[in-house]
Amino acid sequence: MRKEDILVDILDYSFYKEELQKFADSLGLKKYGTKRELAKRIAKNADQEFLTKILSKLSKKDLRGYLQYYFGVGMSSRVTKEELVKTILKKTKSHHTSKSKGTYKETPVSGEYISKIIREFKRIEEPVSARDEADFEKQLLSFLKGKLSEKRPKLLEMLKRQATVGKYRIDIAFGSQVGIEIKLPKSTSSLQRLSGQVDVYKDYFKHIIVVIGDIGKKNLDIKEWAKKIRKKGAIVIVIKTEQKK
């Protein structure tokens, strides 16, 4: 078996079709086709960082089994999952790290760069006047697109709205690098849901940015929730917001 087919096999055997479709969607790839076709699309287009994330979802037992079966390499049970994944990718690197035409490579984008633009929006527009969450998101998205169009047009090409991530849809995504969730919470349950979303998103994105519109509800401790969500590794930006009537 060719090296490039081994990674496809592993993806095909290890994940349900729905999972492969979500991975493909996160990469901005088409979601149609059989499991095998989806696995090929992902193996061909994903970078090493993304492949590391999804292979890390497998058990150590499965990873060791694949190394033994495909490469005849026996690995001790004491070897870390990180090392097992690294070994698999190293042995299939002739395919997914090649620079041949058609290989997917994301334009680098950092969470700090995007959050800097959002903080600029906060500085200029705060307090933001918005009818609802959709209006709040629309204003922020318009500002973000304008700045990227002016300074980093390649990043604008990467921007995707409502990308499927697990059972959720994140508001804005830049490939597998930066995910942005925008909330205008009116209840504690909305903030609890947001916290759960971040737990899911951190398995898919290198950087997570959470933008919370604070409408001044006294029963919502926005500062405390922002603190909790930051502990999960997300960048949290709170913007004072006034609801239009």
C-alpha atoms as a PDB file:
ATOM      1  CA  MET A   1       0.000   0.000   0.000  1.00  0.00           C
ATOM      2  CA  ARG A   2       1.234   3.484  -0.862  1.00  0.00           C
ATOM      3  CA  LYS A   3       2.053   5.779   2.043  1.00  0.00           C
ATOM      4  CA  GLU A   4      -0.518   8.311   0.918  1.00  0.00           C
ATOM      5  CA  ASP A   5      -3.267   5.684   1.157  1.00  0.00           C
ATOM      6  CA  ILE A   6      -2.450   4.702   4.737  1.00  0.00           C
ATOM      7  CA  LEU A   7      -3.614   7.978   6.253  1.00  0.00           C
ATOM      8  CA  VAL A   8      -6.797   7.742   4.181  1.00  0.00           C
ATOM      9  CA  ASP A   9      -7.362   4.226   5.549  1.00  0.00           C
ATOM     10  CA  ILE A  10      -6.887   5.389   9.129  1.00  0.00           C
ATOM     11  CA  LEU A  11      -9.351   8.257   8.723  1.00  0.00           C
ATOM     12  CA  ASP A  12     -11.849   6.039   6.903  1.00  0.00           C
ATOM     13  CA  TYR A  13     -11.750   3.279   9.527  1.00  0.00           C
ATOM     14  CA  SER A  14     -11.609   5.505  12.604  1.00  0.00           C
ATOM     15  CA  PHE A  15     -14.371   8.065  12.118  1.00  0.00           C
ATOM     16  CA  TYR A  16     -18.066   8.109  11.258  1.00  0.00           C
ATOM     17  CA  LYS A  17     -19.113   9.827   8.045  1.00  0.00           C
ATOM     18  CA  GLU A  18     -20.700  12.672  10.033  1.00  0.00           C
ATOM     19  CA  GLU A  19     -17.380  13.299  11.800  1.00  0.00           C
ATOM     20  CA  LEU A  20     -15.472  13.351   8.516  1.00  0.00           C
ATOM     21  CA  GLN A  21     -18.014  15.795   7.099  1.00  0.00           C
ATOM     22  CA  LYS A  22     -17.459  18.109  10.070  1.00  0.00           C
ATOM     23  CA  PHE A  23     -13.679  17.919   9.630  1.00  0.00           C
ATOM     24  CA  ALA A  24     -14.080  18.713   5.926  1.00  0.00           C
ATOM     25  CA  ASP A  25     -16.365  21.644   6.708  1.00  0.00           C
ATOM     26  CA  SER A  26     -13.839  23.029   9.205  1.00  0.00           C
ATOM     27  CA  LEU A  27     -11.271  23.043   6.397  1.00  0.00           C
ATOM     28  CA  GLY A  28     -13.654  24.741   4.000  1.00  0.00           C
ATOM     29  CA  LEU A  29     -13.900  21.560   1.895  1.00  0.00           C
ATOM     30  CA  LYS A  30     -16.946  20.016   0.238  1.00  0.00           C
ATOM     31  CA  LYS A  31     -18.874  17.549   2.419  1.00  0.00           C
ATOM     32  CA  TYR A  32     -20.411  15.293  -0.221  1.00  0.00           C
ATOM     33  CA  GLY A  33     -19.256  11.786  -1.154  1.00  0.00           C
ATOM     34  CA  THR A  34     -18.558   8.468   0.529  1.00  0.00           C
ATOM     35  CA  LYS A  35     -16.519   8.056   3.702  1.00  0.00           C
ATOM     36  CA  ARG A  36     -13.529   7.062   1.600  1.00  0.00           C
ATOM     37  CA  GLU A  37     -13.851  10.149  -0.602  1.00  0.00           C
ATOM     38  CA  LEU A  38     -14.132  12.416   2.443  1.00  0.00           C
ATOM     39  CA  ALA A  39     -11.085  10.778   4.030  1.00  0.00           C
ATOM     40  CA  LYS A  40      -9.087  11.324   0.824  1.00  0.00           C
ATOM     41  CA  ARG A  41     -10.143  14.966   0.662  1.00  0.00           C
ATOM     42  CA  ILE A  42      -9.105  15.594   4.259  1.00  0.00           C
ATOM     43  CA  ALA A  43      -5.803  13.708   3.978  1.00  0.00           C
ATOM     44  CA  LYS A  44      -4.930  15.647   0.826  1.00  0.00           C
ATOM     45  CA  ASN A  45      -5.838  19.121   2.077  1.00  0.00           C
ATOM     46  CA  ALA A  46      -5.259  19.238   5.842  1.00  0.00           C
ATOM     47  CA  ASP A  47      -2.025  20.502   7.330  1.00  0.00           C
ATOM     48  CA  GLN A  48      -0.086  18.622  10.006  1.00  0.00           C
ATOM     49  CA  GLU A  49      -1.567  20.659  12.847  1.00  0.00           C
ATOM     50  CA  PHE A  50      -5.131  19.791  11.865  1.00  0.00           C
ATOM     51  CA  LEU A  51      -4.300  16.112  11.338  1.00  0.00           C
ATOM     52  CA  THR A  52      -2.630  16.019  14.749  1.00  0.00           C
ATOM     53  CA  LYS A  53      -5.833  17.325  16.338  1.00  0.00           C
ATOM     54  CA  ILE A  54      -8.114  14.757  14.763  1.00  0.00           C
ATOM     55  CA  LEU A  55      -5.779  11.765  15.198  1.00  0.00           C
ATOM     56  CA  SER A  56      -5.414  12.717  18.863  1.00  0.00           C
ATOM     57  CA  LYS A  57      -9.103  11.859  19.237  1.00  0.00           C
ATOM     58  CA  LEU A  58      -8.200   8.173  18.785  1.00  0.00           C
ATOM     59  CA  SER A  59      -7.211   5.910  21.669  1.00  0.00           C
ATOM     60  CA  LYS A  60      -3.591   4.950  22.309  1.00  0.00           C
ATOM     61  CA  LYS A  61      -4.576   1.334  21.671  1.00  0.00           C
ATOM     62  CA  ASP A  62      -5.886   2.169  18.191  1.00  0.00           C
ATOM     63  CA  LEU A  63      -2.852   4.305  17.334  1.00  0.00           C
ATOM     64  CA  ARG A  64      -0.437   1.571  18.414  1.00  0.00           C
ATOM     65  CA  GLY A  65      -2.485  -0.932  16.423  1.00  0.00           C
ATOM     66  CA  TYR A  66      -2.223   1.149  13.251  1.00  0.00           C
ATOM     67  CA  LEU A  67       1.551   1.513  13.656  1.00  0.00           C
ATOM     68  CA  GLN A  68       1.917  -2.244  14.066  1.00  0.00           C
ATOM     69  CA  TYR A  69      -0.435  -3.143  11.206  1.00  0.00           C
ATOM     70  CA  TYR A  70       0.744  -0.678   8.553  1.00  0.00           C
ATOM     71  CA  PHE A  71       4.404  -0.213   9.451  1.00  0.00           C
ATOM     72  CA  GLY A  72       5.330  -3.223  11.574  1.00  0.00           C
ATOM     73  CA  VAL A  73       6.325  -0.882  14.388  1.00  0.00           C
ATOM     74  CA  GLY A  74       5.691  -2.056  17.934  1.00  0.00           C
ATOM     75  CA  MET A  75       5.263   0.736  20.477  1.00  0.00           C
ATOM     76  CA  SER A  76       5.265   0.421  24.257  1.00  0.00           C
ATOM     77  CA  SER A  77       2.045   1.177  26.131  1.00  0.00           C
ATOM     78  CA  ARG A  78       4.042   3.811  28.018  1.00  0.00           C
ATOM     79  CA  VAL A  79       4.564   5.905  24.866  1.00  0.00           C
ATOM     80  CA  THR A  80       2.412   9.040  24.934  1.00  0.00           C
ATOM     81  CA  LYS A  81      -0.458   9.634  22.528  1.00  0.00           C
ATOM     82  CA  GLU A  82       1.409  12.690  21.230  1.00  0.00           C
ATOM     83  CA  GLU A  83       4.389  10.537  20.236  1.00  0.00           C
ATOM     84  CA  LEU A  84       2.156   7.922  18.603  1.00  0.00           C
ATOM     85  CA  VAL A  85       0.400  10.546  16.480  1.00  0.00           C
ATOM     86  CA  LYS A  86       3.710  12.176  15.591  1.00  0.00           C
ATOM     87  CA  THR A  87       5.118   8.817  14.460  1.00  0.00           C
ATOM     88  CA  ILE A  88       2.118   8.082  12.236  1.00  0.00           C
ATOM     89  CA  LEU A  89       2.310  11.502  10.589  1.00  0.00           C
ATOM     90  CA  LYS A  90       6.063  11.218  10.143  1.00  0.00           C
ATOM     91  CA  LYS A  91       5.638   7.912   8.334  1.00  0.00           C
ATOM     92  CA  THR A  92       3.003   9.368   6.012  1.00  0.00           C
ATOM     93  CA  LYS A  93       4.680  12.761   5.556  1.00  0.00           C
ATOM     94  CA  SER A  94       5.566  12.159   1.896  1.00  0.00           C
ATOM     95  CA  HIS A  95       1.948  12.947   1.136  1.00  0.00           C
ATOM     96  CA  HIS A  96       0.407  15.472   3.471  1.00  0.00           C
ATOM     97  CA  THR A  97       3.401  17.740   3.899  1.00  0.00           C
ATOM     98  CA  SER A  98       4.421  17.838   0.257  1.00  0.00           C
ATOM     99  CA  LYS A  99       4.353  21.186  -1.518  1.00  0.00           C
ATOM    100  CA  SER A 100       2.924  19.820  -4.719  1.00  0.00           C
ATOM    101  CA  LYS A 101       0.154  21.672  -6.499  1.00  0.00           C
ATOM    102  CA  GLY A 102      -3.208  21.229  -4.824  1.00  0.00           C
ATOM    103  CA  THR A 103      -1.909  20.676  -1.307  1.00  0.00           C
ATOM    104  CA  TYR A 104      -3.890  22.772   1.142  1.00  0.00           C
ATOM    105  CA  LYS A 105      -2.020  25.367   3.136  1.00  0.00           C
ATOM    106  CA  GLU A 106      -3.778  27.951   5.252  1.00  0.00           C
ATOM    107  CA  THR A 107      -2.594  31.533   5.312  1.00  0.00           C
ATOM    108  CA  PRO A 108      -1.208  32.033   8.841  1.00  0.00           C
ATOM    109  CA  VAL A 109      -3.530  34.013  11.108  1.00  0.00           C
ATOM    110  CA  SER A 110      -3.194  34.543  14.849  1.00  0.00           C
ATOM    111  CA  GLY A 111      -5.883  34.982  17.440  1.00  0.00           C
ATOM    112  CA  GLU A 112      -4.072  38.052  18.706  1.00  0.00           C
ATOM    113  CA  TYR A 113      -4.222  39.739  15.294  1.00  0.00           C
ATOM    114  CA  ILE A 114      -7.960  39.160  14.917  1.00  0.00           C
ATOM    115  CA  SER A 115      -8.691  40.105  18.534  1.00  0.00           C
ATOM    116  CA  LYS A 116      -6.768  43.345  17.998  1.00  0.00           C
ATOM    117  CA  ILE A 117      -9.219  44.294  15.230  1.00  0.00           C
ATOM    118  CA  ILE A 118     -12.176  43.388  17.454  1.00  0.00           C
ATOM    119  CA  ARG A 119     -10.774  45.536  20.258  1.00  0.00           C
ATOM    120  CA  GLU A 120     -10.483  48.375  17.758  1.00  0.00           C
ATOM    121  CA  PHE A 121     -14.179  47.887  16.966  1.00  0.00           C
ATOM    122  CA  LYS A 122     -14.877  48.052  20.712  1.00  0.00           C
ATOM    123  CA  ARG A 123     -12.850  51.240  21.117  1.00  0.00           C
ATOM    124  CA  ILE A 124     -14.591  52.996  18.215  1.00  0.00           C
ATOM    125  CA  GLU A 125     -18.165  51.738  18.583  1.00  0.00           C
ATOM    126  CA  GLU A 126     -18.694  51.082  22.313  1.00  0.00           C
ATOM    127  CA  PRO A 127     -21.421  51.179  23.432  1.00  0.00           C
ATOM    128  CA  VAL A 128     -22.745  49.279  20.433  1.00  0.00           C
ATOM    129  CA  SER A 129     -26.410  49.810  19.618  1.00  0.00           C
ATOM    130  CA  ALA A 130     -27.926  46.518  18.435  1.00  0.00           C
ATOM    131  CA  ARG A 131     -31.459  45.143  18.062  1.00  0.00           C
ATOM    132  CA  ASP A 132     -30.439  41.571  18.845  1.00  0.00           C
ATOM    133  CA  GLU A 133     -27.563  39.095  18.619  1.00  0.00           C
ATOM    134  CA  ALA A 134     -27.815  38.836  14.827  1.00  0.00           C
ATOM    135  CA  ASP A 135     -27.538  42.623  14.511  1.00  0.00           C
ATOM    136  CA  PHE A 136     -24.599  42.689  16.932  1.00  0.00           C
ATOM    137  CA  GLU A 137     -22.833  39.996  14.896  1.00  0.00           C
ATOM    138  CA  LYS A 138     -23.592  41.790  11.616  1.00  0.00           C
ATOM    139  CA  GLN A 139     -21.974  45.023  12.825  1.00  0.00           C
ATOM    140  CA  LEU A 140     -18.865  43.268  14.116  1.00  0.00           C
ATOM    141  CA  LEU A 141     -18.544  41.159  10.963  1.00  0.00           C
ATOM    142  CA  SER A 142     -18.860  44.228   8.737  1.00  0.00           C
ATOM    143  CA  PHE A 143     -16.093  46.007  10.665  1.00  0.00           C
ATOM    144  CA  LEU A 144     -13.857  42.922  10.589  1.00  0.00           C
ATOM    145  CA  LYS A 145     -14.332  42.432   6.844  1.00  0.00           C
ATOM    146  CA  GLY A 146     -13.574  46.087   6.184  1.00  0.00           C
ATOM    147  CA  LYS A 147     -10.301  45.959   8.112  1.00  0.00           C
ATOM    148  CA  LEU A 148      -9.194  42.672   6.527  1.00  0.00           C
ATOM    149  CA  SER A 149     -10.077  43.913   3.043  1.00  0.00           C
ATOM    150  CA  GLU A 150      -7.827  46.892   3.666  1.00  0.00           C
ATOM    151  CA  LYS A 151      -4.914  45.160   5.411  1.00  0.00           C
ATOM    152  CA  ARG A 152      -5.026  41.368   4.914  1.00  0.00           C
ATOM    153  CA  PRO A 153      -7.245  40.441   1.923  1.00  0.00           C
ATOM    154  CA  LYS A 154      -5.994  36.845   1.924  1.00  0.00           C
ATOM    155  CA  LEU A 155      -7.478  36.361   5.374  1.00  0.00           C
ATOM    156  CA  LEU A 156     -10.799  37.688   4.107  1.00  0.00           C
ATOM    157  CA  GLU A 157     -10.831  34.835   1.588  1.00  0.00           C
ATOM    158  CA  MET A 158     -10.475  32.363   4.479  1.00  0.00           C
ATOM    159  CA  LEU A 159     -13.334  33.825   6.512  1.00  0.00           C
ATOM    160  CA  LYS A 160     -16.312  31.503   6.768  1.00  0.00           C
ATOM    161  CA  ARG A 161     -19.583  32.159   8.574  1.00  0.00           C
ATOM    162  CA  GLN A 162     -21.561  29.538  10.489  1.00  0.00           C
ATOM    163  CA  ALA A 163     -18.996  26.740  10.144  1.00  0.00           C
ATOM    164  CA  THR A 164     -20.111  23.398  11.589  1.00  0.00           C
ATOM    165  CA  VAL A 165     -18.093  22.383  14.648  1.00  0.00           C
ATOM    166  CA  GLY A 166     -19.282  19.298  16.506  1.00  0.00           C
ATOM    167  CA  LYS A 167     -22.997  19.774  17.190  1.00  0.00           C
ATOM    168  CA  TYR A 168     -22.659  23.555  16.976  1.00  0.00           C
ATOM    169  CA  ARG A 169     -22.093  26.169  14.291  1.00  0.00           C
ATOM    170  CA  ILE A 170     -19.425  28.733  15.148  1.00  0.00           C
ATOM    171  CA  ASP A 171     -20.188  32.282  14.000  1.00  0.00           C
ATOM    172  CA  ILE A 172     -16.898  32.998  12.202  1.00  0.00           C
ATOM    173  CA  ALA A 173     -13.998  30.691  11.331  1.00  0.00           C
ATOM    174  CA  PHE A 174     -10.607  31.165   9.694  1.00  0.00           C
ATOM    175  CA  GLY A 175      -9.813  27.595   8.645  1.00  0.00           C
ATOM    176  CA  SER A 176      -8.698  25.550  11.645  1.00  0.00           C
ATOM    177  CA  GLN A 177      -6.750  28.438  13.134  1.00  0.00           C
ATOM    178  CA  VAL A 178      -9.191  30.973  14.600  1.00  0.00           C
ATOM    179  CA  GLY A 179     -12.819  30.518  15.616  1.00  0.00           C
ATOM    180  CA  ILE A 180     -14.996  33.423  16.787  1.00  0.00           C
ATOM    181  CA  GLU A 181     -18.207  33.008  18.789  1.00  0.00           C
ATOM    182  CA  ILE A 182     -20.390  36.094  19.288  1.00  0.00           C
ATOM    183  CA  LYS A 183     -22.986  36.286  22.046  1.00  0.00           C
ATOM    184  CA  LEU A 184     -25.508  38.821  23.286  1.00  0.00           C
ATOM    185  CA  PRO A 185     -26.651  36.856  26.364  1.00  0.00           C
ATOM    186  CA  LYS A 186     -29.940  37.535  28.101  1.00  0.00           C
ATOM    187  CA  SER A 187     -29.875  34.611  30.526  1.00  0.00           C
ATOM    188  CA  THR A 188     -27.488  32.438  32.512  1.00  0.00           C
ATOM    189  CA  SER A 189     -28.407  29.440  30.347  1.00  0.00           C
ATOM    190  CA  SER A 190     -27.062  31.299  27.298  1.00  0.00           C
ATOM    191  CA  LEU A 191     -23.713  31.763  29.062  1.00  0.00           C
ATOM    192  CA  GLN A 192     -23.680  28.120  30.185  1.00  0.00           C
ATOM    193  CA  ARG A 193     -24.233  27.058  26.594  1.00  0.00           C
ATOM    194  CA  LEU A 194     -21.425  29.367  25.488  1.00  0.00           C
ATOM    195  CA  SER A 195     -19.072  27.721  27.983  1.00  0.00           C
ATOM    196  CA  GLY A 196     -19.984  24.295  26.566  1.00  0.00           C
ATOM    197  CA  GLN A 197     -19.399  25.516  23.020  1.00  0.00           C
ATOM    198  CA  VAL A 198     -15.884  26.650  23.933  1.00  0.00           C
ATOM    199  CA  ASP A 199     -15.128  23.148  25.268  1.00  0.00           C
ATOM    200  CA  VAL A 200     -16.002  21.757  21.831  1.00  0.00           C
ATOM    201  CA  TYR A 201     -14.301  24.468  19.790  1.00  0.00           C
ATOM    202  CA  LYS A 202     -10.920  24.141  21.501  1.00  0.00           C
ATOM    203  CA  ASP A 203     -10.528  20.702  19.893  1.00  0.00           C
ATOM    204  CA  TYR A 204     -10.930  22.231  16.430  1.00  0.00           C
ATOM    205  CA  PHE A 205      -9.225  25.627  16.542  1.00  0.00           C
ATOM    206  CA  LYS A 206      -5.798  26.839  17.548  1.00  0.00           C
ATOM    207  CA  HIS A 207      -7.275  30.121  18.835  1.00  0.00           C
ATOM    208  CA  ILE A 208     -10.802  30.782  20.107  1.00  0.00           C
ATOM    209  CA  ILE A 209     -12.176  34.303  20.467  1.00  0.00           C
ATOM    210  CA  VAL A 210     -15.394  34.912  22.380  1.00  0.00           C
ATOM    211  CA  VAL A 211     -17.110  38.280  21.956  1.00  0.00           C
ATOM    212  CA  ILE A 212     -19.780  39.029  24.561  1.00  0.00           C
ATOM    213  CA  GLY A 213     -22.157  41.952  24.239  1.00  0.00           C
ATOM    214  CA  ASP A 214     -22.963  43.152  27.763  1.00  0.00           C
ATOM    215  CA  ILE A 215     -26.447  44.703  27.787  1.00  0.00           C
ATOM    216  CA  GLY A 216     -26.215  45.472  31.506  1.00  0.00           C
ATOM    217  CA  LYS A 217     -28.552  42.792  32.864  1.00  0.00           C
ATOM    218  CA  LYS A 218     -28.075  42.797  36.634  1.00  0.00           C
ATOM    219  CA  ASN A 219     -28.732  39.061  37.025  1.00  0.00           C
ATOM    220  CA  LEU A 220     -25.836  38.182  34.683  1.00  0.00           C
ATOM    221  CA  ASP A 221     -22.338  38.308  36.129  1.00  0.00           C
ATOM    222  CA  ILE A 222     -20.604  38.842  32.781  1.00  0.00           C
ATOM    223  CA  LYS A 223     -17.207  39.495  34.365  1.00  0.00           C
ATOM    224  CA  GLU A 224     -17.290  36.202  36.260  1.00  0.00           C
ATOM    225  CA  TRP A 225     -18.361  34.249  33.177  1.00  0.00           C
ATOM    226  CA  ALA A 226     -15.653  35.927  31.095  1.00  0.00           C
ATOM    227  CA  LYS A 227     -13.127  34.850  33.716  1.00  0.00           C
ATOM    228  CA  LYS A 228     -14.361  31.224  33.590  1.00  0.00           C
ATOM    229  CA  ILE A 229     -14.202  31.113  29.809  1.00  0.00           C
ATOM    230  CA  ARG A 230     -10.697  32.624  29.731  1.00  0.00           C
ATOM    231  CA  LYS A 231      -9.574  29.755  31.967  1.00  0.00           C
ATOM    232  CA  LYS A 232     -10.571  27.401  29.139  1.00  0.00           C
ATOM    233  CA  GLY A 233      -7.979  29.107  26.921  1.00  0.00           C
ATOM    234  CA  ALA A 234     -10.236  31.459  24.961  1.00  0.00           C
ATOM    235  CA  ILE A 235      -9.636  35.140  24.276  1.00  0.00           C
ATOM    236  CA  VAL A 236     -12.684  36.933  25.710  1.00  0.00           C
ATOM    237  CA  ILE A 237     -13.691  40.462  24.706  1.00  0.00           C
ATOM    238  CA  VAL A 238     -16.640  42.096  26.478  1.00  0.00           C
ATOM    239  CA  ILE A 239     -18.316  45.012  24.683  1.00  0.00           C
ATOM    240  CA  LYS A 240     -20.900  47.276  26.294  1.00  0.00           C
ATOM    241  CA  THR A 241     -24.073  47.081  24.252  1.00  0.00           C
ATOM    242  CA  GLU A 242     -27.376  48.930  24.198  1.00  0.00           C
ATOM    243  CA  GLN A 243     -30.434  47.167  22.834  1.00  0.00           C
ATOM    244  CA  LYS A 244     -32.462  49.047  20.257  1.00  0.00           C
ATOM    245  CA  LYS A 245     -36.199  48.957  20.835  1.00  0.00           C
END
